[in-house]
Each structure stands twice: as structure tokens, then as C-alpha cells.
Amino acid sequence: MPTPPWKKPTPPTTAKTKLTAASIAWAKAAARKAGRRYPNLIDNMAAARRQLGAEHRRGGRTDHP
């Protein structure tokens, strides 16, 4: 079984991703759908991955690996 993300150390060269208002709303909706009041780490990680994928498809954010 893989190690959960909250138990892994943060990689030293991680590019920070500032969530947009749309990504925050998506994370909140995912949390509500799962029965939580607020988004947790997993909701935020999924929103960031979704946002980076959309930016990559549009051709933005060239500094992220």
C-alpha cells in the first residue's frame, strides 16, 4: 500500500501552485459531494492537478515540470 501524501516529506524543489478561484470552488464542491464541510488535502491536490493539466493543455506555466 502506498504511503499517504500527508506522511510524505515535501519535495525540496516543488513548484508552488496557487489555486485559482475556479479551482477552489471545484475543491469545495468535491468536499461537499464527499460529505465534508471544507476541502481537505486530497481535494486541494486534485484541484491543483486539474488546474495544472488545463494550463499545460493551454500552453501556460512553462516553469512547472
C-alpha atoms as a PDB file:
ATOM      1  CA  MET A   1       0.000   0.000   0.000  1.00  0.00           C
ATOM      2  CA  PRO A   2       1.478   3.391  -0.958  1.00  0.00           C
ATOM      3  CA  THR A   3       2.381   5.980   1.672  1.00  0.00           C
ATOM      4  CA  PRO A   4      -0.368   8.601   2.135  1.00  0.00           C
ATOM      5  CA  PRO A   5       0.534  12.134   0.954  1.00  0.00           C
ATOM      6  CA  TRP A   6       0.313  13.655   4.430  1.00  0.00           C
ATOM      7  CA  LYS A   7       3.070  11.292   5.647  1.00  0.00           C
ATOM      8  CA  LYS A   8       5.460  12.008   2.758  1.00  0.00           C
ATOM      9  CA  PRO A   9       8.056  14.780   3.083  1.00  0.00           C
ATOM     10  CA  THR A  10       7.645  17.747   0.778  1.00  0.00           C
ATOM     11  CA  PRO A  11       9.985  17.514  -2.221  1.00  0.00           C
ATOM     12  CA  PRO A  12      12.740  20.148  -1.968  1.00  0.00           C
ATOM     13  CA  THR A  13      12.232  21.581  -5.482  1.00  0.00           C
ATOM     14  CA  THR A  14       8.447  21.677  -5.685  1.00  0.00           C
ATOM     15  CA  ALA A  15       6.901  24.435  -7.770  1.00  0.00           C
ATOM     16  CA  LYS A  16       4.099  26.085  -5.818  1.00  0.00           C
ATOM     17  CA  THR A  17       0.666  26.134  -7.393  1.00  0.00           C
ATOM     18  CA  LYS A  18      -1.642  28.983  -6.432  1.00  0.00           C
ATOM     19  CA  LEU A  19      -5.194  27.733  -6.846  1.00  0.00           C
ATOM     20  CA  THR A  20      -7.477  29.945  -8.895  1.00  0.00           C
ATOM     21  CA  ALA A  21     -10.975  30.841  -7.717  1.00  0.00           C
ATOM     22  CA  ALA A  22     -12.388  28.201 -10.071  1.00  0.00           C
ATOM     23  CA  SER A  23     -10.069  25.518  -8.647  1.00  0.00           C
ATOM     24  CA  ILE A  24     -11.009  26.472  -5.091  1.00  0.00           C
ATOM     25  CA  ALA A  25     -14.685  26.209  -5.999  1.00  0.00           C
ATOM     26  CA  TRP A  26     -14.034  22.799  -7.588  1.00  0.00           C
ATOM     27  CA  ALA A  27     -12.267  21.577  -4.415  1.00  0.00           C
ATOM     28  CA  LYS A  28     -15.131  22.839  -2.235  1.00  0.00           C
ATOM     29  CA  ALA A  29     -17.669  21.088  -4.461  1.00  0.00           C
ATOM     30  CA  ALA A  30     -15.667  17.844  -4.252  1.00  0.00           C
ATOM     31  CA  ALA A  31     -15.635  18.127  -0.454  1.00  0.00           C
ATOM     32  CA  ARG A  32     -19.382  18.774  -0.289  1.00  0.00           C
ATOM     33  CA  LYS A  33     -20.005  15.809  -2.582  1.00  0.00           C
ATOM     34  CA  ALA A  34     -17.983  13.629  -0.187  1.00  0.00           C
ATOM     35  CA  GLY A  35     -19.941  14.952   2.807  1.00  0.00           C
ATOM     36  CA  ARG A  36     -17.294  17.292   4.217  1.00  0.00           C
ATOM     37  CA  ARG A  37     -17.756  20.972   5.033  1.00  0.00           C
ATOM     38  CA  TYR A  38     -14.319  22.030   3.851  1.00  0.00           C
ATOM     39  CA  PRO A  39     -11.850  20.677   1.272  1.00  0.00           C
ATOM     40  CA  ASN A  40      -9.014  18.574   2.648  1.00  0.00           C
ATOM     41  CA  LEU A  41      -5.508  17.963   1.337  1.00  0.00           C
ATOM     42  CA  ILE A  42      -6.694  15.384  -1.182  1.00  0.00           C
ATOM     43  CA  ASP A  43      -9.366  17.744  -2.610  1.00  0.00           C
ATOM     44  CA  ASN A  44      -6.793  20.532  -2.937  1.00  0.00           C
ATOM     45  CA  MET A  45      -4.228  18.231  -4.558  1.00  0.00           C
ATOM     46  CA  ALA A  46      -6.815  17.033  -7.086  1.00  0.00           C
ATOM     47  CA  ALA A  47      -7.816  20.634  -7.848  1.00  0.00           C
ATOM     48  CA  ALA A  48      -4.174  21.636  -8.348  1.00  0.00           C
ATOM     49  CA  ARG A  49      -3.521  18.638 -10.625  1.00  0.00           C
ATOM     50  CA  ARG A  50      -6.648  19.509 -12.623  1.00  0.00           C
ATOM     51  CA  GLN A  51      -5.591  23.177 -12.865  1.00  0.00           C
ATOM     52  CA  LEU A  52      -2.033  22.317 -13.973  1.00  0.00           C
ATOM     53  CA  GLY A  53      -3.380  19.920 -16.587  1.00  0.00           C
ATOM     54  CA  ALA A  54      -5.626  22.630 -18.002  1.00  0.00           C
ATOM     55  CA  GLU A  55      -2.736  25.148 -18.030  1.00  0.00           C
ATOM     56  CA  HIS A  56      -0.496  22.627 -19.745  1.00  0.00           C
ATOM     57  CA  ARG A  57      -3.100  21.958 -22.440  1.00  0.00           C
ATOM     58  CA  ARG A  58      -3.448  25.732 -22.999  1.00  0.00           C
ATOM     59  CA  GLY A  59       0.321  26.154 -23.167  1.00  0.00           C
ATOM     60  CA  GLY A  60       0.825  28.173 -19.964  1.00  0.00           C
ATOM     61  CA  ARG A  61       3.130  27.730 -16.946  1.00  0.00           C
ATOM     62  CA  THR A  62       6.361  26.614 -18.566  1.00  0.00           C
ATOM     63  CA  ASP A  63       8.227  26.666 -15.203  1.00  0.00           C
ATOM     64  CA  HIS A  64       6.405  23.580 -13.901  1.00  0.00           C
ATOM     65  CA  PRO A  65       7.914  20.185 -14.777  1.00  0.00           C
END
